[in-house]
Amino acid sequence: MYAEEQEYILQADYVTNHGNGGLNVSLELDAQSSNWYDLIPQVIKPSLIPTGISIQETMLVLRYYSAKDIIFRPFLLFACSLPPTIQPPQALLEISQTAAYSCQQYIRVAAMRLSEPSASTEIVIHS
């Protein structure tokens, strides 16, 4: 996922197309996190666009978005570090959008949870 030689760092298509399997590993982890969410029993499955959800549901949603952020953050950081003269490949842009969206959703759900006193406040703050 992280190229060691400087010449590769400046080639955005290297990261998305070759990257020592980094992209493939990340895409597999993303697919597994989506499968995990799909397999949650309907009785306890939280909405990923929550409004007024319980503490337990909040924690599941926060874990889901946190995992997506962790999976794709290196690609977002890489895209942000590119010189303005290099156009990132479409695949890198899409991955970066997923990472940014996951962060946004995490913050939104955490803000909802933190607006009320809760025993999970410390967990949300440190996640």
N, C-alpha and C. Protein backbone atom coordinates (compact mmCIF):
# COMPACT_ATOMS: atom_id res chain seq x y z
N MET A 1 0.82 -1.18 0.00
CA MET A 1 0.00 0.00 0.00
C MET A 1 0.87 1.26 0.00
N TYR A 2 2.00 1.20 0.68
CA TYR A 2 2.89 2.35 0.75
C TYR A 2 4.14 2.04 -0.06
N ALA A 3 4.33 2.77 -1.15
CA ALA A 3 5.51 2.56 -1.98
C ALA A 3 6.72 3.10 -1.25
N GLU A 4 7.85 2.41 -1.39
CA GLU A 4 9.06 2.83 -0.69
C GLU A 4 9.94 3.73 -1.54
N GLU A 5 9.85 3.61 -2.83
CA GLU A 5 10.72 4.40 -3.68
C GLU A 5 10.00 5.65 -4.15
N GLN A 6 10.70 6.77 -4.17
CA GLN A 6 10.13 8.08 -4.49
C GLN A 6 9.46 8.12 -5.87
N GLU A 7 10.03 7.43 -6.85
CA GLU A 7 9.45 7.52 -8.20
C GLU A 7 8.04 6.94 -8.24
N TYR A 8 7.74 5.97 -7.41
CA TYR A 8 6.39 5.40 -7.39
C TYR A 8 5.40 6.30 -6.67
N ILE A 9 5.88 7.05 -5.70
CA ILE A 9 5.00 7.92 -4.93
C ILE A 9 4.36 8.96 -5.83
N LEU A 10 5.05 9.37 -6.86
CA LEU A 10 4.52 10.38 -7.76
C LEU A 10 3.66 9.79 -8.88
N GLN A 11 3.46 8.51 -8.87
CA GLN A 11 2.65 7.87 -9.91
C GLN A 11 1.38 7.32 -9.25
N ALA A 12 0.31 8.09 -9.31
CA ALA A 12 -0.94 7.72 -8.64
C ALA A 12 -1.51 6.42 -9.18
N ASP A 13 -1.29 6.16 -10.46
CA ASP A 13 -1.84 4.92 -11.01
C ASP A 13 -1.12 3.69 -10.47
N TYR A 14 0.11 3.87 -9.97
CA TYR A 14 0.82 2.75 -9.36
C TYR A 14 0.07 2.27 -8.12
N VAL A 15 -0.38 3.22 -7.33
CA VAL A 15 -1.08 2.87 -6.08
C VAL A 15 -2.38 2.14 -6.37
N THR A 16 -3.14 2.62 -7.34
CA THR A 16 -4.43 2.01 -7.60
C THR A 16 -4.34 0.75 -8.44
N ASN A 17 -3.30 0.62 -9.25
CA ASN A 17 -3.22 -0.54 -10.14
C ASN A 17 -2.26 -1.62 -9.67
N HIS A 18 -1.22 -1.26 -8.92
CA HIS A 18 -0.21 -2.24 -8.56
C HIS A 18 -0.05 -2.35 -7.06
N GLY A 19 0.26 -1.27 -6.39
CA GLY A 19 0.35 -1.12 -4.95
C GLY A 19 0.57 -2.35 -4.10
N ASN A 20 1.32 -3.33 -4.57
CA ASN A 20 1.64 -4.53 -3.80
C ASN A 20 0.40 -5.20 -3.23
N GLY A 21 -0.69 -5.15 -3.95
CA GLY A 21 -1.91 -5.78 -3.48
C GLY A 21 -2.66 -4.94 -2.47
N GLY A 22 -2.14 -3.76 -2.14
CA GLY A 22 -2.79 -2.90 -1.15
C GLY A 22 -4.22 -2.57 -1.49
N LEU A 23 -4.47 -2.26 -2.75
CA LEU A 23 -5.83 -1.94 -3.15
C LEU A 23 -6.71 -3.18 -3.08
N ASN A 24 -6.18 -4.31 -3.56
CA ASN A 24 -6.96 -5.54 -3.52
C ASN A 24 -7.31 -5.93 -2.08
N VAL A 25 -6.35 -5.80 -1.19
CA VAL A 25 -6.61 -6.10 0.22
C VAL A 25 -7.66 -5.16 0.77
N SER A 26 -7.55 -3.89 0.46
CA SER A 26 -8.51 -2.91 0.95
C SER A 26 -9.91 -3.17 0.40
N LEU A 27 -9.99 -3.50 -0.87
CA LEU A 27 -11.30 -3.80 -1.47
C LEU A 27 -11.90 -5.06 -0.86
N GLU A 28 -11.07 -6.05 -0.56
CA GLU A 28 -11.56 -7.27 0.09
C GLU A 28 -12.05 -6.97 1.50
N LEU A 29 -11.31 -6.17 2.24
CA LEU A 29 -11.75 -5.79 3.59
C LEU A 29 -13.06 -5.01 3.54
N ASP A 30 -13.18 -4.14 2.55
CA ASP A 30 -14.41 -3.37 2.38
C ASP A 30 -15.59 -4.30 2.09
N ALA A 31 -15.38 -5.26 1.20
CA ALA A 31 -16.44 -6.22 0.88
C ALA A 31 -16.83 -7.04 2.11
N GLN A 32 -15.84 -7.42 2.91
CA GLN A 32 -16.14 -8.19 4.12
C GLN A 32 -16.90 -7.35 5.14
N SER A 33 -16.58 -6.06 5.26
CA SER A 33 -17.34 -5.22 6.19
C SER A 33 -18.77 -5.03 5.71
N SER A 34 -18.96 -4.95 4.41
CA SER A 34 -20.33 -4.87 3.87
C SER A 34 -21.08 -6.17 4.10
N ASN A 35 -20.40 -7.30 3.93
CA ASN A 35 -21.03 -8.60 4.21
C ASN A 35 -21.39 -8.71 5.68
N TRP A 36 -20.50 -8.25 6.56
CA TRP A 36 -20.77 -8.28 8.00
C TRP A 36 -22.06 -7.52 8.29
N TYR A 37 -22.18 -6.33 7.73
CA TYR A 37 -23.39 -5.53 7.97
C TYR A 37 -24.63 -6.24 7.41
N ASP A 38 -24.52 -6.80 6.22
CA ASP A 38 -25.66 -7.49 5.61
C ASP A 38 -26.11 -8.69 6.43
N LEU A 39 -25.20 -9.33 7.16
CA LEU A 39 -25.52 -10.53 7.92
C LEU A 39 -26.02 -10.25 9.34
N ILE A 40 -26.04 -8.99 9.75
CA ILE A 40 -26.59 -8.66 11.06
C ILE A 40 -28.08 -9.00 11.04
N PRO A 41 -28.57 -9.74 12.04
CA PRO A 41 -29.99 -10.08 12.05
C PRO A 41 -30.86 -8.82 12.00
N GLN A 42 -31.90 -8.89 11.21
CA GLN A 42 -32.78 -7.73 10.98
C GLN A 42 -33.29 -7.12 12.28
N VAL A 43 -33.50 -7.95 13.29
CA VAL A 43 -34.04 -7.48 14.57
C VAL A 43 -33.13 -6.44 15.22
N ILE A 44 -31.82 -6.60 15.05
CA ILE A 44 -30.87 -5.68 15.68
C ILE A 44 -30.08 -4.85 14.69
N LYS A 45 -30.38 -4.97 13.41
CA LYS A 45 -29.62 -4.27 12.37
C LYS A 45 -29.95 -2.78 12.36
N PRO A 46 -28.96 -1.93 12.62
CA PRO A 46 -29.22 -0.49 12.61
C PRO A 46 -29.21 0.07 11.19
N SER A 47 -29.90 1.16 11.01
CA SER A 47 -29.85 1.87 9.74
C SER A 47 -28.50 2.58 9.65
N LEU A 48 -27.92 2.59 8.47
CA LEU A 48 -26.65 3.31 8.31
C LEU A 48 -26.87 4.81 8.18
N ILE A 49 -28.11 5.22 8.07
CA ILE A 49 -28.45 6.64 8.10
C ILE A 49 -29.38 6.81 9.30
N PRO A 50 -28.79 6.73 10.50
CA PRO A 50 -29.59 6.65 11.71
C PRO A 50 -30.18 7.98 12.16
N THR A 51 -31.33 7.88 12.76
CA THR A 51 -31.96 9.00 13.45
C THR A 51 -32.61 8.42 14.69
N GLY A 52 -32.23 8.92 15.84
CA GLY A 52 -32.81 8.46 17.08
C GLY A 52 -32.58 6.99 17.36
N ILE A 53 -31.35 6.50 17.21
CA ILE A 53 -31.07 5.09 17.43
C ILE A 53 -30.53 4.87 18.84
N SER A 54 -30.57 3.64 19.27
CA SER A 54 -30.11 3.28 20.61
C SER A 54 -28.59 3.34 20.70
N ILE A 55 -28.09 3.23 21.92
CA ILE A 55 -26.64 3.24 22.13
C ILE A 55 -25.99 2.05 21.43
N GLN A 56 -26.61 0.86 21.54
CA GLN A 56 -26.05 -0.33 20.91
C GLN A 56 -26.02 -0.17 19.38
N GLU A 57 -27.09 0.36 18.81
CA GLU A 57 -27.11 0.57 17.36
C GLU A 57 -26.07 1.61 16.96
N THR A 58 -25.95 2.65 17.76
CA THR A 58 -24.95 3.68 17.47
C THR A 58 -23.55 3.09 17.42
N MET A 59 -23.24 2.22 18.37
CA MET A 59 -21.90 1.64 18.42
C MET A 59 -21.64 0.77 17.18
N LEU A 60 -22.64 0.04 16.72
CA LEU A 60 -22.46 -0.76 15.51
C LEU A 60 -22.21 0.13 14.29
N VAL A 61 -22.99 1.19 14.18
CA VAL A 61 -22.84 2.10 13.04
C VAL A 61 -21.47 2.80 13.09
N LEU A 62 -21.07 3.23 14.28
CA LEU A 62 -19.76 3.87 14.42
C LEU A 62 -18.63 2.90 14.04
N ARG A 63 -18.73 1.66 14.46
CA ARG A 63 -17.71 0.67 14.10
C ARG A 63 -17.66 0.44 12.59
N TYR A 64 -18.83 0.40 11.97
CA TYR A 64 -18.90 0.20 10.52
C TYR A 64 -18.18 1.33 9.78
N TYR A 65 -18.52 2.58 10.11
CA TYR A 65 -17.88 3.70 9.42
C TYR A 65 -16.42 3.86 9.80
N SER A 66 -16.07 3.51 11.02
CA SER A 66 -14.68 3.57 11.44
C SER A 66 -13.84 2.56 10.64
N ALA A 67 -14.38 1.37 10.43
CA ALA A 67 -13.66 0.35 9.65
C ALA A 67 -13.44 0.82 8.22
N LYS A 68 -14.47 1.41 7.61
CA LYS A 68 -14.32 1.90 6.23
C LYS A 68 -13.26 2.99 6.16
N ASP A 69 -13.24 3.87 7.15
CA ASP A 69 -12.23 4.92 7.19
C ASP A 69 -10.83 4.32 7.30
N ILE A 70 -10.66 3.37 8.19
CA ILE A 70 -9.35 2.75 8.38
C ILE A 70 -8.89 2.03 7.12
N ILE A 71 -9.82 1.38 6.44
CA ILE A 71 -9.49 0.63 5.23
C ILE A 71 -9.00 1.55 4.11
N PHE A 72 -9.65 2.69 3.93
CA PHE A 72 -9.35 3.53 2.77
C PHE A 72 -8.57 4.81 3.08
N ARG A 73 -8.29 5.10 4.33
CA ARG A 73 -7.57 6.32 4.69
C ARG A 73 -6.21 6.47 4.00
N PRO A 74 -5.41 5.40 3.88
CA PRO A 74 -4.10 5.58 3.21
C PRO A 74 -4.24 6.10 1.78
N PHE A 75 -5.29 5.69 1.08
CA PHE A 75 -5.49 6.14 -0.29
C PHE A 75 -5.92 7.60 -0.33
N LEU A 76 -6.75 8.00 0.62
CA LEU A 76 -7.16 9.41 0.70
C LEU A 76 -5.96 10.29 1.01
N LEU A 77 -5.15 9.87 1.97
CA LEU A 77 -3.95 10.65 2.31
C LEU A 77 -3.00 10.74 1.12
N PHE A 78 -2.88 9.64 0.40
CA PHE A 78 -2.02 9.64 -0.79
C PHE A 78 -2.56 10.61 -1.83
N ALA A 79 -3.87 10.56 -2.08
CA ALA A 79 -4.48 11.45 -3.08
C ALA A 79 -4.28 12.92 -2.68
N CYS A 80 -4.39 13.21 -1.40
CA CYS A 80 -4.21 14.59 -0.94
C CYS A 80 -2.76 15.06 -1.02
N SER A 81 -1.84 14.11 -1.03
CA SER A 81 -0.42 14.48 -1.07
C SER A 81 0.12 14.65 -2.48
N LEU A 82 -0.68 14.32 -3.49
CA LEU A 82 -0.20 14.44 -4.87
C LEU A 82 -0.01 15.90 -5.27
N PRO A 83 1.00 16.18 -6.06
CA PRO A 83 1.17 17.55 -6.57
C PRO A 83 -0.02 17.91 -7.47
N PRO A 84 -0.35 19.18 -7.54
CA PRO A 84 -1.51 19.60 -8.34
C PRO A 84 -1.38 19.25 -9.83
N THR A 85 -0.18 18.97 -10.28
CA THR A 85 0.02 18.66 -11.70
C THR A 85 -0.36 17.21 -12.05
N ILE A 86 -0.56 16.37 -11.04
CA ILE A 86 -0.90 14.97 -11.28
C ILE A 86 -2.39 14.77 -11.06
N GLN A 87 -3.06 14.28 -12.09
CA GLN A 87 -4.49 13.97 -12.00
C GLN A 87 -4.64 12.56 -11.45
N PRO A 88 -5.27 12.40 -10.27
CA PRO A 88 -5.44 11.05 -9.73
C PRO A 88 -6.36 10.21 -10.62
N PRO A 89 -6.09 8.92 -10.73
CA PRO A 89 -6.97 8.05 -11.51
C PRO A 89 -8.37 8.00 -10.88
N GLN A 90 -9.37 7.67 -11.68
CA GLN A 90 -10.75 7.62 -11.21
C GLN A 90 -10.91 6.67 -10.02
N ALA A 91 -10.24 5.53 -10.04
CA ALA A 91 -10.34 4.57 -8.94
C ALA A 91 -9.87 5.19 -7.62
N LEU A 92 -8.80 5.96 -7.67
CA LEU A 92 -8.29 6.61 -6.47
C LEU A 92 -9.26 7.68 -5.98
N LEU A 93 -9.88 8.40 -6.88
CA LEU A 93 -10.88 9.39 -6.50
C LEU A 93 -12.09 8.74 -5.83
N GLU A 94 -12.54 7.62 -6.37
CA GLU A 94 -13.70 6.93 -5.79
C GLU A 94 -13.39 6.40 -4.40
N ILE A 95 -12.20 5.84 -4.23
CA ILE A 95 -11.79 5.35 -2.92
C ILE A 95 -11.69 6.51 -1.93
N SER A 96 -11.15 7.62 -2.38
CA SER A 96 -11.03 8.80 -1.53
C SER A 96 -12.40 9.33 -1.11
N GLN A 97 -13.36 9.29 -2.03
CA GLN A 97 -14.72 9.71 -1.69
C GLN A 97 -15.33 8.79 -0.64
N THR A 98 -15.08 7.50 -0.75
CA THR A 98 -15.59 6.55 0.24
C THR A 98 -15.00 6.85 1.62
N ALA A 99 -13.71 7.12 1.67
CA ALA A 99 -13.06 7.43 2.94
C ALA A 99 -13.62 8.72 3.54
N ALA A 100 -13.76 9.75 2.73
CA ALA A 100 -14.29 11.03 3.21
C ALA A 100 -15.74 10.88 3.68
N TYR A 101 -16.55 10.14 2.93
CA TYR A 101 -17.95 9.92 3.30
C TYR A 101 -18.04 9.16 4.63
N SER A 102 -17.19 8.16 4.80
CA SER A 102 -17.19 7.38 6.04
C SER A 102 -16.84 8.25 7.24
N CYS A 103 -15.86 9.13 7.08
CA CYS A 103 -15.50 10.06 8.15
C CYS A 103 -16.66 11.00 8.47
N GLN A 104 -17.28 11.51 7.43
CA GLN A 104 -18.42 12.41 7.61
C GLN A 104 -19.55 11.72 8.36
N GLN A 105 -19.89 10.50 7.97
CA GLN A 105 -20.96 9.77 8.63
C GLN A 105 -20.60 9.45 10.07
N TYR A 106 -19.35 9.08 10.31
CA TYR A 106 -18.90 8.79 11.68
C TYR A 106 -19.10 10.02 12.56
N ILE A 107 -18.68 11.17 12.07
CA ILE A 107 -18.81 12.40 12.85
C ILE A 107 -20.27 12.73 13.09
N ARG A 108 -21.11 12.55 12.09
CA ARG A 108 -22.53 12.85 12.24
C ARG A 108 -23.18 11.95 13.29
N VAL A 109 -22.90 10.65 13.23
CA VAL A 109 -23.48 9.71 14.19
C VAL A 109 -22.91 9.96 15.58
N ALA A 110 -21.61 10.21 15.67
CA ALA A 110 -20.99 10.50 16.97
C ALA A 110 -21.58 11.77 17.58
N ALA A 111 -21.81 12.78 16.76
CA ALA A 111 -22.40 14.03 17.27
C ALA A 111 -23.80 13.78 17.82
N MET A 112 -24.57 12.94 17.14
CA MET A 112 -25.91 12.59 17.64
C MET A 112 -25.80 11.91 19.00
N ARG A 113 -24.88 10.95 19.11
CA ARG A 113 -24.73 10.20 20.36
C ARG A 113 -24.21 11.11 21.47
N LEU A 114 -23.29 12.01 21.15
CA LEU A 114 -22.69 12.87 22.16
C LEU A 114 -23.61 14.01 22.59
N SER A 115 -24.70 14.20 21.89
CA SER A 115 -25.64 15.27 22.27
C SER A 115 -26.44 14.91 23.51
N GLU A 116 -26.39 13.64 23.92
CA GLU A 116 -27.08 13.18 25.11
C GLU A 116 -26.09 12.51 26.05
N PRO A 117 -26.31 12.63 27.36
CA PRO A 117 -25.43 11.91 28.30
C PRO A 117 -25.58 10.40 28.09
N SER A 118 -24.47 9.70 28.19
CA SER A 118 -24.50 8.26 27.95
C SER A 118 -23.27 7.60 28.57
N ALA A 119 -23.42 6.34 28.90
CA ALA A 119 -22.28 5.57 29.41
C ALA A 119 -21.27 5.30 28.30
N SER A 120 -21.68 5.44 27.05
CA SER A 120 -20.77 5.15 25.92
C SER A 120 -20.00 6.38 25.45
N THR A 121 -20.16 7.50 26.12
CA THR A 121 -19.51 8.74 25.69
C THR A 121 -18.01 8.58 25.53
N GLU A 122 -17.36 7.96 26.51
CA GLU A 122 -15.91 7.81 26.44
C GLU A 122 -15.50 6.92 25.27
N ILE A 123 -16.27 5.90 24.99
CA ILE A 123 -15.96 5.01 23.85
C ILE A 123 -16.07 5.79 22.54
N VAL A 124 -17.12 6.59 22.40
CA VAL A 124 -17.33 7.36 21.17
C VAL A 124 -16.20 8.37 21.00
N ILE A 125 -15.83 9.05 22.06
CA ILE A 125 -14.79 10.08 21.98
C ILE A 125 -13.44 9.47 21.58
N HIS A 126 -13.13 8.29 22.08
CA HIS A 126 -11.81 7.70 21.84
C HIS A 126 -11.76 6.74 20.65
N SER A 127 -12.84 6.59 19.93
CA SER A 127 -12.85 5.66 18.79
C SER A 127 -12.23 6.29 17.57
